Amino acid sequence: MKAPVLTQVGDSHLRSIVKAVSWRCIGTLDTFLVSFLVLSLSGTADNSMAAMKVSGGIAGVEVITKVALYYLHERTWTRISFGRPRPPTTDESAAENVP
């Protein structure tokens, strides 16, 4: 019985970008909520509207930087073979075809 042949398939650039944006939507909401809570509960902001403005500014900046960082991270990992099954070598493929 032949072993299944595994091929290495990487994500497209568009898929990496969509993944980065969808993840950042979740991350940005989290950043906004955490910033708002810290500012509100610590008394740093004068009122909740000020806390919302500062939290929105923090979330707005980090969404741009983190989408770019995540995209670069994803593209770097598509080039790293760590943890992926190795494709068969030419010798292994030839040996499988011998009756």
PDB file of N, CA and C in Angstrom:
ATOM      1  N   MET A   1       0.843  -1.173   0.000  1.00  0.00           N
ATOM      2  CA  MET A   1       0.000   0.000   0.000  1.00  0.00           C
ATOM      3  C   MET A   1       0.894   1.243   0.000  1.00  0.00           C
ATOM      4  N   LYS A   2       0.558   2.183  -0.855  1.00  0.00           N
ATOM      5  CA  LYS A   2       1.330   3.414  -0.952  1.00  0.00           C
ATOM      6  C   LYS A   2       0.916   4.391   0.138  1.00  0.00           C
ATOM      7  N   ALA A   3       1.917   5.123   0.615  1.00  0.00           N
ATOM      8  CA  ALA A   3       1.626   6.196   1.567  1.00  0.00           C
ATOM      9  C   ALA A   3       1.043   7.368   0.794  1.00  0.00           C
ATOM     10  N   PRO A   4       0.113   8.100   1.385  1.00  0.00           N
ATOM     11  CA  PRO A   4      -0.445   9.258   0.669  1.00  0.00           C
ATOM     12  C   PRO A   4       0.638  10.308   0.436  1.00  0.00           C
ATOM     13  N   VAL A   5       0.565  10.920  -0.720  1.00  0.00           N
ATOM     14  CA  VAL A   5       1.522  11.967  -1.057  1.00  0.00           C
ATOM     15  C   VAL A   5       0.964  13.292  -0.559  1.00  0.00           C
ATOM     16  N   LEU A   6       1.734  13.960   0.260  1.00  0.00           N
ATOM     17  CA  LEU A   6       1.316  15.247   0.798  1.00  0.00           C
ATOM     18  C   LEU A   6       2.010  16.347   0.025  1.00  0.00           C
ATOM     19  N   THR A   7       1.246  17.331  -0.368  1.00  0.00           N
ATOM     20  CA  THR A   7       1.845  18.459  -1.062  1.00  0.00           C
ATOM     21  C   THR A   7       1.778  19.679  -0.163  1.00  0.00           C
ATOM     22  N   GLN A   8       2.762  20.525  -0.318  1.00  0.00           N
ATOM     23  CA  GLN A   8       2.828  21.737   0.481  1.00  0.00           C
ATOM     24  C   GLN A   8       2.091  22.844  -0.268  1.00  0.00           C
ATOM     25  N   VAL A   9       1.039  23.355   0.350  1.00  0.00           N
ATOM     26  CA  VAL A   9       0.252  24.413  -0.267  1.00  0.00           C
ATOM     27  C   VAL A   9       0.292  25.618   0.655  1.00  0.00           C
ATOM     28  N   GLY A  10       0.740  26.745   0.142  1.00  0.00           N
ATOM     29  CA  GLY A  10       0.783  27.961   0.943  1.00  0.00           C
ATOM     30  C   GLY A  10      -0.447  28.811   0.675  1.00  0.00           C
ATOM     31  N   ASP A  11      -0.684  29.732   1.570  1.00  0.00           N
ATOM     32  CA  ASP A  11      -1.804  30.647   1.399  1.00  0.00           C
ATOM     33  C   ASP A  11      -1.473  31.691   0.341  1.00  0.00           C
ATOM     34  N   SER A  12      -2.490  32.158  -0.350  1.00  0.00           N
ATOM     35  CA  SER A  12      -2.296  33.252  -1.304  1.00  0.00           C
ATOM     36  C   SER A  12      -2.113  34.548  -0.526  1.00  0.00           C
ATOM     37  N   HIS A  13      -1.588  35.553  -1.195  1.00  0.00           N
ATOM     38  CA  HIS A  13      -1.422  36.859  -0.560  1.00  0.00           C
ATOM     39  C   HIS A  13      -2.781  37.411  -0.131  1.00  0.00           C
ATOM     40  N   LEU A  14      -3.794  37.267  -0.965  1.00  0.00           N
ATOM     41  CA  LEU A  14      -5.124  37.773  -0.636  1.00  0.00           C
ATOM     42  C   LEU A  14      -5.675  37.079   0.606  1.00  0.00           C
ATOM     43  N   ARG A  15      -5.500  35.768   0.699  1.00  0.00           N
ATOM     44  CA  ARG A  15      -5.971  35.035   1.874  1.00  0.00           C
ATOM     45  C   ARG A  15      -5.261  35.536   3.133  1.00  0.00           C
ATOM     46  N   SER A  16      -3.963  35.765   3.046  1.00  0.00           N
ATOM     47  CA  SER A  16      -3.214  36.272   4.198  1.00  0.00           C
ATOM     48  C   SER A  16      -3.722  37.649   4.618  1.00  0.00           C
ATOM     49  N   ILE A  17      -4.036  38.492   3.653  1.00  0.00           N
ATOM     50  CA  ILE A  17      -4.542  39.830   3.963  1.00  0.00           C
ATOM     51  C   ILE A  17      -5.925  39.739   4.621  1.00  0.00           C
ATOM     52  N   VAL A  18      -6.805  38.916   4.070  1.00  0.00           N
ATOM     53  CA  VAL A  18      -8.149  38.768   4.633  1.00  0.00           C
ATOM     54  C   VAL A  18      -8.072  38.206   6.050  1.00  0.00           C
ATOM     55  N   LYS A  19      -7.185  37.227   6.267  1.00  0.00           N
ATOM     56  CA  LYS A  19      -7.007  36.683   7.605  1.00  0.00           C
ATOM     57  C   LYS A  19      -6.494  37.758   8.556  1.00  0.00           C
ATOM     58  N   ALA A  20      -5.561  38.559   8.093  1.00  0.00           N
ATOM     59  CA  ALA A  20      -5.008  39.633   8.930  1.00  0.00           C
ATOM     60  C   ALA A  20      -6.090  40.629   9.315  1.00  0.00           C
ATOM     61  N   VAL A  21      -6.910  41.031   8.358  1.00  0.00           N
ATOM     62  CA  VAL A  21      -7.956  42.020   8.630  1.00  0.00           C
ATOM     63  C   VAL A  21      -9.014  41.439   9.565  1.00  0.00           C
ATOM     64  N   SER A  22      -9.437  40.211   9.330  1.00  0.00           N
ATOM     65  CA  SER A  22     -10.471  39.622  10.193  1.00  0.00           C
ATOM     66  C   SER A  22      -9.957  39.447  11.618  1.00  0.00           C
ATOM     67  N   TRP A  23      -8.714  39.025  11.762  1.00  0.00           N
ATOM     68  CA  TRP A  23      -8.142  38.881  13.104  1.00  0.00           C
ATOM     69  C   TRP A  23      -8.018  40.234  13.791  1.00  0.00           C
ATOM     70  N   ARG A  24      -7.632  41.260  13.033  1.00  0.00           N
ATOM     71  CA  ARG A  24      -7.461  42.577  13.630  1.00  0.00           C
ATOM     72  C   ARG A  24      -8.786  43.172  14.062  1.00  0.00           C
ATOM     73  N   CYS A  25      -9.870  42.860  13.377  1.00  0.00           N
ATOM     74  CA  CYS A  25     -11.181  43.344  13.832  1.00  0.00           C
ATOM     75  C   CYS A  25     -11.447  42.848  15.252  1.00  0.00           C
ATOM     76  N   ILE A  26     -11.155  41.588  15.498  1.00  0.00           N
ATOM     77  CA  ILE A  26     -11.327  41.029  16.834  1.00  0.00           C
ATOM     78  C   ILE A  26     -10.328  41.673  17.798  1.00  0.00           C
ATOM     79  N   GLY A  27      -9.073  41.763  17.395  1.00  0.00           N
ATOM     80  CA  GLY A  27      -8.042  42.341  18.245  1.00  0.00           C
ATOM     81  C   GLY A  27      -8.283  43.807  18.556  1.00  0.00           C
ATOM     82  N   THR A  28      -8.768  44.555  17.583  1.00  0.00           N
ATOM     83  CA  THR A  28      -9.017  45.983  17.787  1.00  0.00           C
ATOM     84  C   THR A  28     -10.177  46.203  18.757  1.00  0.00           C
ATOM     85  N   LEU A  29     -11.204  45.403  18.633  1.00  0.00           N
ATOM     86  CA  LEU A  29     -12.315  45.493  19.580  1.00  0.00           C
ATOM     87  C   LEU A  29     -11.809  45.210  20.997  1.00  0.00           C
ATOM     88  N   ASP A  30     -10.978  44.203  21.125  1.00  0.00           N
ATOM     89  CA  ASP A  30     -10.395  43.878  22.424  1.00  0.00           C
ATOM     90  C   ASP A  30      -9.545  45.044  22.944  1.00  0.00           C
ATOM     91  N   THR A  31      -8.706  45.620  22.096  1.00  0.00           N
ATOM     92  CA  THR A  31      -7.863  46.750  22.499  1.00  0.00           C
ATOM     93  C   THR A  31      -8.714  47.930  22.943  1.00  0.00           C
ATOM     94  N   PHE A  32      -9.761  48.222  22.193  1.00  0.00           N
ATOM     95  CA  PHE A  32     -10.648  49.323  22.546  1.00  0.00           C
ATOM     96  C   PHE A  32     -11.279  49.089  23.916  1.00  0.00           C
ATOM     97  N   LEU A  33     -11.816  47.897  24.121  1.00  0.00           N
ATOM     98  CA  LEU A  33     -12.488  47.602  25.392  1.00  0.00           C
ATOM     99  C   LEU A  33     -11.517  47.647  26.571  1.00  0.00           C
ATOM    100  N   VAL A  34     -10.339  47.058  26.400  1.00  0.00           N
ATOM    101  CA  VAL A  34      -9.357  47.071  27.485  1.00  0.00           C
ATOM    102  C   VAL A  34      -8.913  48.500  27.771  1.00  0.00           C
ATOM    103  N   SER A  35      -8.613  49.285  26.733  1.00  0.00           N
ATOM    104  CA  SER A  35      -8.203  50.683  26.924  1.00  0.00           C
ATOM    105  C   SER A  35      -9.296  51.472  27.632  1.00  0.00           C
ATOM    106  N   PHE A  36     -10.521  51.284  27.183  1.00  0.00           N
ATOM    107  CA  PHE A  36     -11.645  52.001  27.780  1.00  0.00           C
ATOM    108  C   PHE A  36     -11.796  51.655  29.259  1.00  0.00           C
ATOM    109  N   LEU A  37     -11.717  50.365  29.568  1.00  0.00           N
ATOM    110  CA  LEU A  37     -11.851  49.944  30.964  1.00  0.00           C
ATOM    111  C   LEU A  37     -10.716  50.490  31.827  1.00  0.00           C
ATOM    112  N   VAL A  38      -9.486  50.416  31.324  1.00  0.00           N
ATOM    113  CA  VAL A  38      -8.348  50.919  32.094  1.00  0.00           C
ATOM    114  C   VAL A  38      -8.483  52.422  32.331  1.00  0.00           C
ATOM    115  N   LEU A  39      -8.811  53.161  31.282  1.00  0.00           N
ATOM    116  CA  LEU A  39      -8.954  54.609  31.421  1.00  0.00           C
ATOM    117  C   LEU A  39     -10.117  54.984  32.335  1.00  0.00           C
ATOM    118  N   SER A  40     -11.224  54.288  32.204  1.00  0.00           N
ATOM    119  CA  SER A  40     -12.406  54.588  33.019  1.00  0.00           C
ATOM    120  C   SER A  40     -12.198  54.226  34.484  1.00  0.00           C
ATOM    121  N   LEU A  41     -11.695  53.015  34.713  1.00  0.00           N
ATOM    122  CA  LEU A  41     -11.555  52.540  36.090  1.00  0.00           C
ATOM    123  C   LEU A  41     -10.394  53.202  36.833  1.00  0.00           C
ATOM    124  N   SER A  42      -9.385  53.641  36.090  1.00  0.00           N
ATOM    125  CA  SER A  42      -8.233  54.269  36.756  1.00  0.00           C
ATOM    126  C   SER A  42      -8.473  55.746  37.029  1.00  0.00           C
ATOM    127  N   GLY A  43      -9.507  56.305  36.399  1.00  0.00           N
ATOM    128  CA  GLY A  43      -9.788  57.719  36.572  1.00  0.00           C
ATOM    129  C   GLY A  43      -8.874  58.608  35.739  1.00  0.00           C
ATOM    130  N   THR A  44      -8.125  58.019  34.825  1.00  0.00           N
ATOM    131  CA  THR A  44      -7.213  58.782  33.966  1.00  0.00           C
ATOM    132  C   THR A  44      -7.978  59.732  33.066  1.00  0.00           C
ATOM    133  N   ALA A  45      -9.088  59.271  32.532  1.00  0.00           N
ATOM    134  CA  ALA A  45      -9.908  60.116  31.668  1.00  0.00           C
ATOM    135  C   ALA A  45     -10.919  60.874  32.534  1.00  0.00           C
ATOM    136  N   ASP A  46     -11.209  62.106  32.135  1.00  0.00           N
ATOM    137  CA  ASP A  46     -12.141  62.955  32.902  1.00  0.00           C
ATOM    138  C   ASP A  46     -13.558  62.375  32.929  1.00  0.00           C
ATOM    139  N   ASN A  47     -13.955  61.780  31.802  1.00  0.00           N
ATOM    140  CA  ASN A  47     -15.295  61.205  31.724  1.00  0.00           C
ATOM    141  C   ASN A  47     -15.274  60.066  30.711  1.00  0.00           C
ATOM    142  N   SER A  48     -16.395  59.392  30.566  1.00  0.00           N
ATOM    143  CA  SER A  48     -16.422  58.238  29.667  1.00  0.00           C
ATOM    144  C   SER A  48     -16.266  58.638  28.205  1.00  0.00           C
ATOM    145  N   MET A  49     -16.684  59.855  27.825  1.00  0.00           N
ATOM    146  CA  MET A  49     -16.503  60.299  26.445  1.00  0.00           C
ATOM    147  C   MET A  49     -15.020  60.496  26.144  1.00  0.00           C
ATOM    148  N   ALA A  50     -14.287  61.059  27.084  1.00  0.00           N
ATOM    149  CA  ALA A  50     -12.838  61.226  26.907  1.00  0.00           C
ATOM    150  C   ALA A  50     -12.161  59.862  26.825  1.00  0.00           C
ATOM    151  N   ALA A  51     -12.602  58.925  27.655  1.00  0.00           N
ATOM    152  CA  ALA A  51     -12.047  57.569  27.627  1.00  0.00           C
ATOM    153  C   ALA A  51     -12.318  56.908  26.281  1.00  0.00           C
ATOM    154  N   MET A  52     -13.510  57.136  25.734  1.00  0.00           N
ATOM    155  CA  MET A  52     -13.847  56.557  24.424  1.00  0.00           C
ATOM    156  C   MET A  52     -12.978  57.153  23.317  1.00  0.00           C
ATOM    157  N   LYS A  53     -12.731  58.455  23.374  1.00  0.00           N
ATOM    158  CA  LYS A  53     -11.906  59.098  22.348  1.00  0.00           C
ATOM    159  C   LYS A  53     -10.475  58.581  22.386  1.00  0.00           C
ATOM    160  N   VAL A  54      -9.915  58.499  23.569  1.00  0.00           N
ATOM    161  CA  VAL A  54      -8.539  58.000  23.692  1.00  0.00           C
ATOM    162  C   VAL A  54      -8.482  56.530  23.283  1.00  0.00           C
ATOM    163  N   SER A  55      -9.439  55.739  23.728  1.00  0.00           N
ATOM    164  CA  SER A  55      -9.484  54.321  23.371  1.00  0.00           C
ATOM    165  C   SER A  55      -9.627  54.137  21.868  1.00  0.00           C
ATOM    166  N   GLY A  56     -10.448  54.965  21.242  1.00  0.00           N
ATOM    167  CA  GLY A  56     -10.613  54.911  19.793  1.00  0.00           C
ATOM    168  C   GLY A  56      -9.326  55.263  19.065  1.00  0.00           C
ATOM    169  N   GLY A  57      -8.601  56.250  19.588  1.00  0.00           N
ATOM    170  CA  GLY A  57      -7.314  56.613  18.988  1.00  0.00           C
ATOM    171  C   GLY A  57      -6.303  55.487  19.086  1.00  0.00           C
ATOM    172  N   ILE A  58      -6.242  54.875  20.252  1.00  0.00           N
ATOM    173  CA  ILE A  58      -5.331  53.739  20.443  1.00  0.00           C
ATOM    174  C   ILE A  58      -5.699  52.609  19.491  1.00  0.00           C
ATOM    175  N   ALA A  59      -6.978  52.259  19.439  1.00  0.00           N
ATOM    176  CA  ALA A  59      -7.438  51.170  18.576  1.00  0.00           C
ATOM    177  C   ALA A  59      -7.213  51.494  17.103  1.00  0.00           C
ATOM    178  N   GLY A  60      -7.403  52.752  16.710  1.00  0.00           N
ATOM    179  CA  GLY A  60      -7.215  53.144  15.310  1.00  0.00           C
ATOM    180  C   GLY A  60      -5.775  53.008  14.849  1.00  0.00           C
ATOM    181  N   VAL A  61      -4.850  53.390  15.711  1.00  0.00           N
ATOM    182  CA  VAL A  61      -3.432  53.276  15.351  1.00  0.00           C
ATOM    183  C   VAL A  61      -3.005  51.818  15.325  1.00  0.00           C
ATOM    184  N   GLU A  62      -3.401  51.060  16.324  1.00  0.00           N
ATOM    185  CA  GLU A  62      -2.928  49.684  16.386  1.00  0.00           C
ATOM    186  C   GLU A  62      -3.523  48.795  15.301  1.00  0.00           C
ATOM    187  N   VAL A  63      -4.699  49.118  14.798  1.00  0.00           N
ATOM    188  CA  VAL A  63      -5.263  48.275  13.739  1.00  0.00           C
ATOM    189  C   VAL A  63      -4.394  48.344  12.484  1.00  0.00           C
ATOM    190  N   ILE A  64      -3.872  49.511  12.178  1.00  0.00           N
ATOM    191  CA  ILE A  64      -3.032  49.666  10.984  1.00  0.00           C
ATOM    192  C   ILE A  64      -1.703  48.951  11.171  1.00  0.00           C
ATOM    193  N   THR A  65      -1.055  49.184  12.299  1.00  0.00           N
ATOM    194  CA  THR A  65       0.258  48.568  12.510  1.00  0.00           C
ATOM    195  C   THR A  65       0.153  47.056  12.638  1.00  0.00           C
ATOM    196  N   LYS A  66      -0.870  46.584  13.299  1.00  0.00           N
ATOM    197  CA  LYS A  66      -0.950  45.147  13.531  1.00  0.00           C
ATOM    198  C   LYS A  66      -1.420  44.358  12.315  1.00  0.00           C
ATOM    199  N   VAL A  67      -2.191  44.953  11.429  1.00  0.00           N
ATOM    200  CA  VAL A  67      -2.519  44.271  10.175  1.00  0.00           C
ATOM    201  C   VAL A  67      -1.234  44.049   9.380  1.00  0.00           C
ATOM    202  N   ALA A  68      -0.414  45.078   9.302  1.00  0.00           N
ATOM    203  CA  ALA A  68       0.846  44.958   8.563  1.00  0.00           C
ATOM    204  C   ALA A  68       1.761  43.919   9.218  1.00  0.00           C
ATOM    205  N   LEU A  69       1.865  43.951  10.529  1.00  0.00           N
ATOM    206  CA  LEU A  69       2.724  42.990  11.224  1.00  0.00           C
ATOM    207  C   LEU A  69       2.208  41.559  11.069  1.00  0.00           C
ATOM    208  N   TYR A  70       0.909  41.371  11.166  1.00  0.00           N
ATOM    209  CA  TYR A  70       0.340  40.030  11.007  1.00  0.00           C
ATOM    210  C   TYR A  70       0.563  39.512   9.591  1.00  0.00           C
ATOM    211  N   TYR A  71       0.356  40.368   8.612  1.00  0.00           N
ATOM    212  CA  TYR A  71       0.574  39.967   7.215  1.00  0.00           C
ATOM    213  C   TYR A  71       2.022  39.517   7.022  1.00  0.00           C
ATOM    214  N   LEU A  72       2.961  40.313   7.499  1.00  0.00           N
ATOM    215  CA  LEU A  72       4.377  39.944   7.369  1.00  0.00           C
ATOM    216  C   LEU A  72       4.671  38.646   8.123  1.00  0.00           C
ATOM    217  N   HIS A  73       4.070  38.484   9.275  1.00  0.00           N
ATOM    218  CA  HIS A  73       4.235  37.263  10.054  1.00  0.00           C
ATOM    219  C   HIS A  73       3.715  36.049   9.290  1.00  0.00           C
ATOM    220  N   GLU A  74       2.519  36.162   8.725  1.00  0.00           N
ATOM    221  CA  GLU A  74       1.928  35.079   7.929  1.00  0.00           C
ATOM    222  C   GLU A  74       2.811  34.716   6.738  1.00  0.00           C
ATOM    223  N   ARG A  75       3.267  35.732   6.001  1.00  0.00           N
ATOM    224  CA  ARG A  75       4.075  35.479   4.806  1.00  0.00           C
ATOM    225  C   ARG A  75       5.420  34.863   5.175  1.00  0.00           C
ATOM    226  N   THR A  76       5.963  35.245   6.308  1.00  0.00           N
ATOM    227  CA  THR A  76       7.220  34.645   6.756  1.00  0.00           C
ATOM    228  C   THR A  76       7.008  33.172   7.080  1.00  0.00           C
ATOM    229  N   TRP A  77       5.917  32.862   7.764  1.00  0.00           N
ATOM    230  CA  TRP A  77       5.657  31.475   8.123  1.00  0.00           C
ATOM    231  C   TRP A  77       5.335  30.593   6.923  1.00  0.00           C
ATOM    232  N   THR A  78       4.874  31.162   5.817  1.00  0.00           N
ATOM    233  CA  THR A  78       4.648  30.319   4.638  1.00  0.00           C
ATOM    234  C   THR A  78       5.973  29.832   4.069  1.00  0.00           C
ATOM    235  N   ARG A  79       7.067  30.488   4.406  1.00  0.00           N
ATOM    236  CA  ARG A  79       8.395  30.106   3.915  1.00  0.00           C
ATOM    237  C   ARG A  79       9.133  29.166   4.864  1.00  0.00           C
ATOM    238  N   ILE A  80       8.585  28.948   6.042  1.00  0.00           N
ATOM    239  CA  ILE A  80       9.239  28.112   7.041  1.00  0.00           C
ATOM    240  C   ILE A  80       8.615  26.727   7.008  1.00  0.00           C
ATOM    241  N   SER A  81       9.446  25.709   6.897  1.00  0.00           N
ATOM    242  CA  SER A  81       8.931  24.347   6.776  1.00  0.00           C
ATOM    243  C   SER A  81       8.719  23.664   8.123  1.00  0.00           C
ATOM    244  N   PHE A  82       9.096  24.308   9.206  1.00  0.00           N
ATOM    245  CA  PHE A  82       8.955  23.719  10.535  1.00  0.00           C
ATOM    246  C   PHE A  82       7.519  23.256  10.772  1.00  0.00           C
ATOM    247  N   GLY A  83       7.373  21.980  11.170  1.00  0.00           N
ATOM    248  CA  GLY A  83       6.062  21.445  11.511  1.00  0.00           C
ATOM    249  C   GLY A  83       5.239  20.970  10.332  1.00  0.00           C
ATOM    250  N   ARG A  84       5.740  21.128   9.132  1.00  0.00           N
ATOM    251  CA  ARG A  84       5.030  20.642   7.945  1.00  0.00           C
ATOM    252  C   ARG A  84       5.619  19.304   7.528  1.00  0.00           C
ATOM    253  N   PRO A  85       4.785  18.414   7.003  1.00  0.00           N
ATOM    254  CA  PRO A  85       5.339  17.156   6.505  1.00  0.00           C
ATOM    255  C   PRO A  85       6.222  17.424   5.291  1.00  0.00           C
ATOM    256  N   ARG A  86       7.285  16.681   5.212  1.00  0.00           N
ATOM    257  CA  ARG A  86       8.191  16.856   4.070  1.00  0.00           C
ATOM    258  C   ARG A  86       7.626  16.156   2.849  1.00  0.00           C
ATOM    259  N   PRO A  87       7.717  16.805   1.684  1.00  0.00           N
ATOM    260  CA  PRO A  87       7.295  16.117   0.462  1.00  0.00           C
ATOM    261  C   PRO A  87       8.303  15.012   0.161  1.00  0.00           C
ATOM    262  N   PRO A  88       7.862  13.917  -0.464  1.00  0.00           N
ATOM    263  CA  PRO A  88       8.798  12.825  -0.755  1.00  0.00           C
ATOM    264  C   PRO A  88       9.895  13.298  -1.709  1.00  0.00           C
ATOM    265  N   THR A  89      11.085  12.756  -1.492  1.00  0.00           N
ATOM    266  CA  THR A  89      12.186  13.088  -2.391  1.00  0.00           C
ATOM    267  C   THR A  89      12.015  12.305  -3.682  1.00  0.00           C
ATOM    268  N   THR A  90      12.807  12.619  -4.675  1.00  0.00           N
ATOM    269  CA  THR A  90      12.736  11.941  -5.966  1.00  0.00           C
ATOM    270  C   THR A  90      13.005  10.453  -5.799  1.00  0.00           C
ATOM    271  N   ASP A  91      13.948  10.098  -4.940  1.00  0.00           N
ATOM    272  CA  ASP A  91      14.258   8.676  -4.712  1.00  0.00           C
ATOM    273  C   ASP A  91      13.078   7.930  -4.104  1.00  0.00           C
ATOM    274  N   GLU A  92      12.396   8.570  -3.143  1.00  0.00           N
ATOM    275  CA  GLU A  92      11.237   7.941  -2.509  1.00  0.00           C
ATOM    276  C   GLU A  92      10.099   7.763  -3.504  1.00  0.00           C
ATOM    277  N   SER A  93       9.890   8.758  -4.354  1.00  0.00           N
ATOM    278  CA  SER A  93       8.822   8.672  -5.355  1.00  0.00           C
ATOM    279  C   SER A  93       9.112   7.563  -6.358  1.00  0.00           C
ATOM    280  N   ALA A  94      10.368   7.446  -6.777  1.00  0.00           N
ATOM    281  CA  ALA A  94      10.748   6.412  -7.738  1.00  0.00           C
ATOM    282  C   ALA A  94      10.585   5.037  -7.127  1.00  0.00           C
ATOM    283  N   ALA A  95      10.928   4.881  -5.840  1.00  0.00           N
ATOM    284  CA  ALA A  95      10.819   3.596  -5.176  1.00  0.00           C
ATOM    285  C   ALA A  95       9.368   3.158  -5.057  1.00  0.00           C
ATOM    286  N   GLU A  96       8.459   4.100  -4.901  1.00  0.00           N
ATOM    287  CA  GLU A  96       7.041   3.760  -4.788  1.00  0.00           C
ATOM    288  C   GLU A  96       6.472   3.249  -6.103  1.00  0.00           C
ATOM    289  N   ASN A  97       7.042   3.660  -7.199  1.00  0.00           N
ATOM    290  CA  ASN A  97       6.530   3.267  -8.523  1.00  0.00           C
ATOM    291  C   ASN A  97       7.070   1.908  -8.987  1.00  0.00           C
ATOM    292  N   VAL A  98       7.992   1.317  -8.245  1.00  0.00           N
ATOM    293  CA  VAL A  98       8.537   0.009  -8.621  1.00  0.00           C
ATOM    294  C   VAL A  98       7.561  -1.054  -8.183  1.00  0.00           C
ATOM    295  N   PRO A  99       7.185  -1.967  -9.108  1.00  0.00           N
ATOM    296  CA  PRO A  99       6.211  -3.013  -8.749  1.00  0.00           C
ATOM    297  C   PRO A  99       6.777  -4.049  -7.816  1.00  0.00           C
TER     298      PRO A  99
END
